[in-house]
Every structure is written in structure tokens, then in C-alpha cells.
Amino acid sequence: MKITSIISVVFHAIRLLLSLFALWLSFGWKARKARKAFEKELVRAGMTKKDAKRLSEWYLKLKDDIVQAVKSSVFTRR
């Protein structure tokens, strides 16, 4: 194998990992914003903050489930 091929593969792998990391950060930020907006709307509708926070925890669980599914699909061996 040529050195240029190895360097190219390493470069593309690093780019892919950086893109996945940026996607993970962005997804976490968007889920946090959605959760806070959901809590704010529930409180505005008359629900207590404690109950709104308890209901909005599903956003975190859903985010964690999606991230886990992506991780398992990327890192599974065939």
C-alpha cells in the first residue's frame, strides 16, 4: 500500500470522526433547547416547575436512545 493511500484514509477517518463529534454536540444542544422550551410552555400553561421538569426528562432519554443507536450502528463489527 502506498503512503499516500494510508494518509488519505487517515485524513478521511479523522474528518468523519470530527463530523460525528460536531453532530453529537449539536444534537445535545438542540435537545437541551427543546427541553427548556417545553418546560417553559408547561409552566406558562399552569403546571408546576417540578412536574414540568419531570415530563421534560423524556427529551433527555430520547436523545440518549438516539445517540446510543447511532453509536451501536457505527461501532458494530460484522
PDB file of N, CA and C in Angstrom:
ATOM      1  N   MET A   1       0.848  -1.174   0.000  1.00  0.00           N
ATOM      2  CA  MET A   1       0.000   0.000   0.000  1.00  0.00           C
ATOM      3  C   MET A   1       0.895   1.239   0.000  1.00  0.00           C
ATOM      4  N   LYS A   2       0.496   2.222  -0.741  1.00  0.00           N
ATOM      5  CA  LYS A   2       1.288   3.436  -0.818  1.00  0.00           C
ATOM      6  C   LYS A   2       1.042   4.322   0.404  1.00  0.00           C
ATOM      7  N   ILE A   3       2.038   5.103   0.702  1.00  0.00           N
ATOM      8  CA  ILE A   3       1.947   6.033   1.834  1.00  0.00           C
ATOM      9  C   ILE A   3       0.822   7.045   1.614  1.00  0.00           C
ATOM     10  N   THR A   4       0.646   7.501   0.377  1.00  0.00           N
ATOM     11  CA  THR A   4      -0.408   8.490   0.102  1.00  0.00           C
ATOM     12  C   THR A   4      -1.794   7.905   0.350  1.00  0.00           C
ATOM     13  N   SER A   5      -1.960   6.617   0.073  1.00  0.00           N
ATOM     14  CA  SER A   5      -3.248   5.964   0.336  1.00  0.00           C
ATOM     15  C   SER A   5      -3.522   5.903   1.835  1.00  0.00           C
ATOM     16  N   ILE A   6      -2.517   5.572   2.590  1.00  0.00           N
ATOM     17  CA  ILE A   6      -2.676   5.500   4.049  1.00  0.00           C
ATOM     18  C   ILE A   6      -2.985   6.875   4.619  1.00  0.00           C
ATOM     19  N   ILE A   7      -2.271   7.879   4.147  1.00  0.00           N
ATOM     20  CA  ILE A   7      -2.521   9.244   4.624  1.00  0.00           C
ATOM     21  C   ILE A   7      -3.926   9.689   4.256  1.00  0.00           C
ATOM     22  N   SER A   8      -4.376   9.347   3.069  1.00  0.00           N
ATOM     23  CA  SER A   8      -5.724   9.704   2.630  1.00  0.00           C
ATOM     24  C   SER A   8      -6.784   9.039   3.504  1.00  0.00           C
ATOM     25  N   VAL A   9      -6.598   7.770   3.803  1.00  0.00           N
ATOM     26  CA  VAL A   9      -7.551   7.044   4.655  1.00  0.00           C
ATOM     27  C   VAL A   9      -7.595   7.664   6.055  1.00  0.00           C
ATOM     28  N   VAL A  10      -6.447   7.962   6.605  1.00  0.00           N
ATOM     29  CA  VAL A  10      -6.385   8.559   7.943  1.00  0.00           C
ATOM     30  C   VAL A  10      -7.067   9.929   7.935  1.00  0.00           C
ATOM     31  N   PHE A  11      -6.794  10.727   6.912  1.00  0.00           N
ATOM     32  CA  PHE A  11      -7.402  12.048   6.804  1.00  0.00           C
ATOM     33  C   PHE A  11      -8.925  11.953   6.746  1.00  0.00           C
ATOM     34  N   HIS A  12      -9.443  11.054   5.919  1.00  0.00           N
ATOM     35  CA  HIS A  12     -10.897  10.912   5.800  1.00  0.00           C
ATOM     36  C   HIS A  12     -11.519  10.360   7.081  1.00  0.00           C
ATOM     37  N   ALA A  13     -10.826   9.476   7.756  1.00  0.00           N
ATOM     38  CA  ALA A  13     -11.345   8.941   9.025  1.00  0.00           C
ATOM     39  C   ALA A  13     -11.409  10.042  10.081  1.00  0.00           C
ATOM     40  N   ILE A  14     -10.379  10.880  10.128  1.00  0.00           N
ATOM     41  CA  ILE A  14     -10.385  11.986  11.086  1.00  0.00           C
ATOM     42  C   ILE A  14     -11.508  12.959  10.768  1.00  0.00           C
ATOM     43  N   ARG A  15     -11.695  13.267   9.483  1.00  0.00           N
ATOM     44  CA  ARG A  15     -12.796  14.154   9.093  1.00  0.00           C
ATOM     45  C   ARG A  15     -14.146  13.582   9.497  1.00  0.00           C
ATOM     46  N   LEU A  16     -14.316  12.289   9.287  1.00  0.00           N
ATOM     47  CA  LEU A  16     -15.576  11.638   9.657  1.00  0.00           C
ATOM     48  C   LEU A  16     -15.806  11.696  11.157  1.00  0.00           C
ATOM     49  N   LEU A  17     -14.779  11.418  11.943  1.00  0.00           N
ATOM     50  CA  LEU A  17     -14.918  11.454  13.401  1.00  0.00           C
ATOM     51  C   LEU A  17     -15.204  12.868  13.899  1.00  0.00           C
ATOM     52  N   LEU A  18     -14.563  13.857  13.304  1.00  0.00           N
ATOM     53  CA  LEU A  18     -14.843  15.243  13.692  1.00  0.00           C
ATOM     54  C   LEU A  18     -16.270  15.645  13.332  1.00  0.00           C
ATOM     55  N   SER A  19     -16.749  15.185  12.199  1.00  0.00           N
ATOM     56  CA  SER A  19     -18.133  15.474  11.806  1.00  0.00           C
ATOM     57  C   SER A  19     -19.118  14.810  12.768  1.00  0.00           C
ATOM     58  N   LEU A  20     -18.839  13.574  13.145  1.00  0.00           N
ATOM     59  CA  LEU A  20     -19.711  12.885  14.101  1.00  0.00           C
ATOM     60  C   LEU A  20     -19.701  13.567  15.462  1.00  0.00           C
ATOM     61  N   PHE A  21     -18.536  14.048  15.872  1.00  0.00           N
ATOM     62  CA  PHE A  21     -18.444  14.761  17.141  1.00  0.00           C
ATOM     63  C   PHE A  21     -19.228  16.070  17.095  1.00  0.00           C
ATOM     64  N   ALA A  22     -19.122  16.805  15.995  1.00  0.00           N
ATOM     65  CA  ALA A  22     -19.878  18.048  15.837  1.00  0.00           C
ATOM     66  C   ALA A  22     -21.377  17.770  15.819  1.00  0.00           C
ATOM     67  N   LEU A  23     -21.773  16.688  15.178  1.00  0.00           N
ATOM     68  CA  LEU A  23     -23.178  16.300  15.150  1.00  0.00           C
ATOM     69  C   LEU A  23     -23.674  15.966  16.552  1.00  0.00           C
ATOM     70  N   TRP A  24     -22.861  15.258  17.308  1.00  0.00           N
ATOM     71  CA  TRP A  24     -23.222  14.895  18.685  1.00  0.00           C
ATOM     72  C   TRP A  24     -23.400  16.142  19.549  1.00  0.00           C
ATOM     73  N   LEU A  25     -22.458  17.092  19.431  1.00  0.00           N
ATOM     74  CA  LEU A  25     -22.568  18.332  20.198  1.00  0.00           C
ATOM     75  C   LEU A  25     -23.810  19.127  19.810  1.00  0.00           C
ATOM     76  N   SER A  26     -24.047  19.239  18.524  1.00  0.00           N
ATOM     77  CA  SER A  26     -25.191  19.988  18.028  1.00  0.00           C
ATOM     78  C   SER A  26     -26.499  19.336  18.476  1.00  0.00           C
ATOM     79  N   PHE A  27     -26.553  18.026  18.390  1.00  0.00           N
ATOM     80  CA  PHE A  27     -27.757  17.305  18.787  1.00  0.00           C
ATOM     81  C   PHE A  27     -28.047  17.493  20.277  1.00  0.00           C
ATOM     82  N   GLY A  28     -27.006  17.434  21.090  1.00  0.00           N
ATOM     83  CA  GLY A  28     -27.188  17.659  22.524  1.00  0.00           C
ATOM     84  C   GLY A  28     -27.687  19.055  22.823  1.00  0.00           C
ATOM     85  N   TRP A  29     -27.149  20.036  22.115  1.00  0.00           N
ATOM     86  CA  TRP A  29     -27.571  21.424  22.328  1.00  0.00           C
ATOM     87  C   TRP A  29     -29.022  21.622  21.909  1.00  0.00           C
ATOM     88  N   LYS A  30     -29.412  21.066  20.769  1.00  0.00           N
ATOM     89  CA  LYS A  30     -30.790  21.208  20.281  1.00  0.00           C
ATOM     90  C   LYS A  30     -31.776  20.514  21.221  1.00  0.00           C
ATOM     91  N   ALA A  31     -31.399  19.359  21.746  1.00  0.00           N
ATOM     92  CA  ALA A  31     -32.279  18.650  22.682  1.00  0.00           C
ATOM     93  C   ALA A  31     -32.435  19.444  23.969  1.00  0.00           C
ATOM     94  N   ARG A  32     -31.366  20.077  24.423  1.00  0.00           N
ATOM     95  CA  ARG A  32     -31.432  20.893  25.636  1.00  0.00           C
ATOM     96  C   ARG A  32     -32.354  22.090  25.426  1.00  0.00           C
ATOM     97  N   LYS A  33     -32.222  22.748  24.287  1.00  0.00           N
ATOM     98  CA  LYS A  33     -33.077  23.899  23.990  1.00  0.00           C
ATOM     99  C   LYS A  33     -34.545  23.488  23.895  1.00  0.00           C
ATOM    100  N   ALA A  34     -34.816  22.349  23.268  1.00  0.00           N
ATOM    101  CA  ALA A  34     -36.190  21.858  23.136  1.00  0.00           C
ATOM    102  C   ALA A  34     -36.771  21.525  24.505  1.00  0.00           C
ATOM    103  N   ARG A  35     -35.965  20.930  25.359  1.00  0.00           N
ATOM    104  CA  ARG A  35     -36.432  20.565  26.697  1.00  0.00           C
ATOM    105  C   ARG A  35     -36.773  21.811  27.504  1.00  0.00           C
ATOM    106  N   LYS A  36     -35.902  22.809  27.444  1.00  0.00           N
ATOM    107  CA  LYS A  36     -36.154  24.052  28.186  1.00  0.00           C
ATOM    108  C   LYS A  36     -37.384  24.769  27.662  1.00  0.00           C
ATOM    109  N   ALA A  37     -37.576  24.797  26.338  1.00  0.00           N
ATOM    110  CA  ALA A  37     -38.754  25.445  25.758  1.00  0.00           C
ATOM    111  C   ALA A  37     -40.026  24.696  26.163  1.00  0.00           C
ATOM    112  N   PHE A  38     -39.953  23.371  26.190  1.00  0.00           N
ATOM    113  CA  PHE A  38     -41.094  22.561  26.603  1.00  0.00           C
ATOM    114  C   PHE A  38     -41.450  22.847  28.054  1.00  0.00           C
ATOM    115  N   GLU A  39     -40.435  22.904  28.923  1.00  0.00           N
ATOM    116  CA  GLU A  39     -40.676  23.223  30.332  1.00  0.00           C
ATOM    117  C   GLU A  39     -41.315  24.601  30.470  1.00  0.00           C
ATOM    118  N   LYS A  40     -40.803  25.561  29.741  1.00  0.00           N
ATOM    119  CA  LYS A  40     -41.309  26.923  29.832  1.00  0.00           C
ATOM    120  C   LYS A  40     -42.777  26.995  29.409  1.00  0.00           C
ATOM    121  N   GLU A  41     -43.130  26.274  28.348  1.00  0.00           N
ATOM    122  CA  GLU A  41     -44.523  26.260  27.891  1.00  0.00           C
ATOM    123  C   GLU A  41     -45.438  25.580  28.905  1.00  0.00           C
ATOM    124  N   LEU A  42     -44.968  24.502  29.514  1.00  0.00           N
ATOM    125  CA  LEU A  42     -45.793  23.822  30.516  1.00  0.00           C
ATOM    126  C   LEU A  42     -46.019  24.710  31.741  1.00  0.00           C
ATOM    127  N   VAL A  43     -44.975  25.406  32.169  1.00  0.00           N
ATOM    128  CA  VAL A  43     -45.111  26.302  33.319  1.00  0.00           C
ATOM    129  C   VAL A  43     -46.042  27.452  32.962  1.00  0.00           C
ATOM    130  N   ARG A  44     -45.920  27.950  31.748  1.00  0.00           N
ATOM    131  CA  ARG A  44     -46.795  29.046  31.299  1.00  0.00           C
ATOM    132  C   ARG A  44     -48.255  28.597  31.250  1.00  0.00           C
ATOM    133  N   ALA A  45     -48.496  27.297  30.978  1.00  0.00           N
ATOM    134  CA  ALA A  45     -49.851  26.764  30.923  1.00  0.00           C
ATOM    135  C   ALA A  45     -50.409  26.454  32.305  1.00  0.00           C
ATOM    136  N   GLY A  46     -49.561  26.573  33.354  1.00  0.00           N
ATOM    137  CA  GLY A  46     -50.071  26.406  34.698  1.00  0.00           C
ATOM    138  C   GLY A  46     -49.534  25.201  35.457  1.00  0.00           C
ATOM    139  N   MET A  47     -48.641  24.465  34.879  1.00  0.00           N
ATOM    140  CA  MET A  47     -48.078  23.294  35.551  1.00  0.00           C
ATOM    141  C   MET A  47     -46.949  23.734  36.487  1.00  0.00           C
ATOM    142  N   THR A  48     -46.733  22.987  37.536  1.00  0.00           N
ATOM    143  CA  THR A  48     -45.639  23.319  38.447  1.00  0.00           C
ATOM    144  C   THR A  48     -44.293  23.032  37.780  1.00  0.00           C
ATOM    145  N   LYS A  49     -43.261  23.735  38.240  1.00  0.00           N
ATOM    146  CA  LYS A  49     -41.925  23.563  37.649  1.00  0.00           C
ATOM    147  C   LYS A  49     -41.413  22.144  37.848  1.00  0.00           C
ATOM    148  N   LYS A  50     -41.707  21.587  39.016  1.00  0.00           N
ATOM    149  CA  LYS A  50     -41.241  20.233  39.314  1.00  0.00           C
ATOM    150  C   LYS A  50     -41.840  19.218  38.341  1.00  0.00           C
ATOM    151  N   ASP A  51     -43.147  19.317  38.105  1.00  0.00           N
ATOM    152  CA  ASP A  51     -43.796  18.381  37.179  1.00  0.00           C
ATOM    153  C   ASP A  51     -43.348  18.610  35.738  1.00  0.00           C
ATOM    154  N   ALA A  52     -43.151  19.868  35.364  1.00  0.00           N
ATOM    155  CA  ALA A  52     -42.682  20.173  34.007  1.00  0.00           C
ATOM    156  C   ALA A  52     -41.286  19.602  33.789  1.00  0.00           C
ATOM    157  N   LYS A  53     -40.444  19.717  34.787  1.00  0.00           N
ATOM    158  CA  LYS A  53     -39.079  19.172  34.672  1.00  0.00           C
ATOM    159  C   LYS A  53     -39.119  17.650  34.560  1.00  0.00           C
ATOM    160  N   ARG A  54     -40.011  17.034  35.322  1.00  0.00           N
ATOM    161  CA  ARG A  54     -40.133  15.577  35.284  1.00  0.00           C
ATOM    162  C   ARG A  54     -40.603  15.111  33.901  1.00  0.00           C
ATOM    163  N   LEU A  55     -41.545  15.827  33.309  1.00  0.00           N
ATOM    164  CA  LEU A  55     -42.020  15.462  31.978  1.00  0.00           C
ATOM    165  C   LEU A  55     -40.966  15.722  30.901  1.00  0.00           C
ATOM    166  N   SER A  56     -40.206  16.778  31.063  1.00  0.00           N
ATOM    167  CA  SER A  56     -39.223  17.128  30.036  1.00  0.00           C
ATOM    168  C   SER A  56     -38.002  16.216  30.059  1.00  0.00           C
ATOM    169  N   GLU A  57     -37.847  15.411  31.081  1.00  0.00           N
ATOM    170  CA  GLU A  57     -36.733  14.470  31.127  1.00  0.00           C
ATOM    171  C   GLU A  57     -36.828  13.437  30.009  1.00  0.00           C
ATOM    172  N   TRP A  58     -38.001  13.287  29.415  1.00  0.00           N
ATOM    173  CA  TRP A  58     -38.147  12.358  28.297  1.00  0.00           C
ATOM    174  C   TRP A  58     -37.330  12.821  27.095  1.00  0.00           C
ATOM    175  N   TYR A  59     -37.138  14.136  26.968  1.00  0.00           N
ATOM    176  CA  TYR A  59     -36.288  14.636  25.883  1.00  0.00           C
ATOM    177  C   TYR A  59     -34.864  14.107  26.050  1.00  0.00           C
ATOM    178  N   LEU A  60     -34.370  14.114  27.266  1.00  0.00           N
ATOM    179  CA  LEU A  60     -33.020  13.601  27.511  1.00  0.00           C
ATOM    180  C   LEU A  60     -32.937  12.103  27.246  1.00  0.00           C
ATOM    181  N   LYS A  61     -33.958  11.380  27.668  1.00  0.00           N
ATOM    182  CA  LYS A  61     -33.968   9.938  27.440  1.00  0.00           C
ATOM    183  C   LYS A  61     -34.017   9.632  25.950  1.00  0.00           C
ATOM    184  N   LEU A  62     -34.832  10.374  25.215  1.00  0.00           N
ATOM    185  CA  LEU A  62     -34.927  10.171  23.779  1.00  0.00           C
ATOM    186  C   LEU A  62     -33.600  10.494  23.096  1.00  0.00           C
ATOM    187  N   LYS A  63     -32.949  11.586  23.504  1.00  0.00           N
ATOM    188  CA  LYS A  63     -31.648  11.951  22.947  1.00  0.00           C
ATOM    189  C   LYS A  63     -30.627  10.851  23.218  1.00  0.00           C
ATOM    190  N   ASP A  64     -30.599  10.361  24.446  1.00  0.00           N
ATOM    191  CA  ASP A  64     -29.655   9.295  24.805  1.00  0.00           C
ATOM    192  C   ASP A  64     -29.914   8.016  24.002  1.00  0.00           C
ATOM    193  N   ASP A  65     -31.193   7.687  23.786  1.00  0.00           N
ATOM    194  CA  ASP A  65     -31.526   6.498  22.995  1.00  0.00           C
ATOM    195  C   ASP A  65     -31.069   6.648  21.546  1.00  0.00           C
ATOM    196  N   ILE A  66     -31.255   7.838  20.973  1.00  0.00           N
ATOM    197  CA  ILE A  66     -30.838   8.062  19.587  1.00  0.00           C
ATOM    198  C   ILE A  66     -29.322   7.999  19.475  1.00  0.00           C
ATOM    199  N   VAL A  67     -28.621   8.624  20.407  1.00  0.00           N
ATOM    200  CA  VAL A  67     -27.155   8.597  20.381  1.00  0.00           C
ATOM    201  C   VAL A  67     -26.650   7.174  20.546  1.00  0.00           C
ATOM    202  N   GLN A  68     -27.260   6.412  21.423  1.00  0.00           N
ATOM    203  CA  GLN A  68     -26.861   5.015  21.622  1.00  0.00           C
ATOM    204  C   GLN A  68     -27.096   4.192  20.358  1.00  0.00           C
ATOM    205  N   ALA A  69     -28.207   4.437  19.659  1.00  0.00           N
ATOM    206  CA  ALA A  69     -28.492   3.708  18.420  1.00  0.00           C
ATOM    207  C   ALA A  69     -27.460   4.032  17.349  1.00  0.00           C
ATOM    208  N   VAL A  70     -27.073   5.300  17.254  1.00  0.00           N
ATOM    209  CA  VAL A  70     -26.061   5.683  16.266  1.00  0.00           C
ATOM    210  C   VAL A  70     -24.713   5.072  16.623  1.00  0.00           C
ATOM    211  N   LYS A  71     -24.356   5.128  17.898  1.00  0.00           N
ATOM    212  CA  LYS A  71     -23.086   4.524  18.325  1.00  0.00           C
ATOM    213  C   LYS A  71     -23.044   3.032  18.026  1.00  0.00           C
ATOM    214  N   SER A  72     -24.129   2.346  18.313  1.00  0.00           N
ATOM    215  CA  SER A  72     -24.124   0.899  18.091  1.00  0.00           C
ATOM    216  C   SER A  72     -24.083   0.576  16.601  1.00  0.00           C
ATOM    217  N   SER A  73     -24.680   1.418  15.759  1.00  0.00           N
ATOM    218  CA  SER A  73     -24.634   1.138  14.325  1.00  0.00           C
ATOM    219  C   SER A  73     -23.275   1.472  13.724  1.00  0.00           C
ATOM    220  N   VAL A  74     -22.587   2.450  14.306  1.00  0.00           N
ATOM    221  CA  VAL A  74     -21.268   2.831  13.786  1.00  0.00           C
ATOM    222  C   VAL A  74     -20.201   1.858  14.254  1.00  0.00           C
ATOM    223  N   PHE A  75     -20.267   1.428  15.481  1.00  0.00           N
ATOM    224  CA  PHE A  75     -19.188   0.641  16.063  1.00  0.00           C
ATOM    225  C   PHE A  75     -19.453  -0.854  16.138  1.00  0.00           C
ATOM    226  N   THR A  76     -20.434  -1.361  15.404  1.00  0.00           N
ATOM    227  CA  THR A  76     -20.664  -2.798  15.409  1.00  0.00           C
ATOM    228  C   THR A  76     -19.716  -3.473  14.430  1.00  0.00           C
ATOM    229  N   ARG A  77     -19.274  -4.629  14.808  1.00  0.00           N
ATOM    230  CA  ARG A  77     -18.382  -5.399  13.935  1.00  0.00           C
ATOM    231  C   ARG A  77     -19.216  -6.393  13.144  1.00  0.00           C
ATOM    232  N   ARG A  78     -18.789  -6.568  11.942  1.00  0.00           N
ATOM    233  CA  ARG A  78     -19.543  -7.505  11.077  1.00  0.00           C
ATOM    234  C   ARG A  78     -18.737  -8.720  10.792  1.00  0.00           C
TER     235      ARG A  78
END
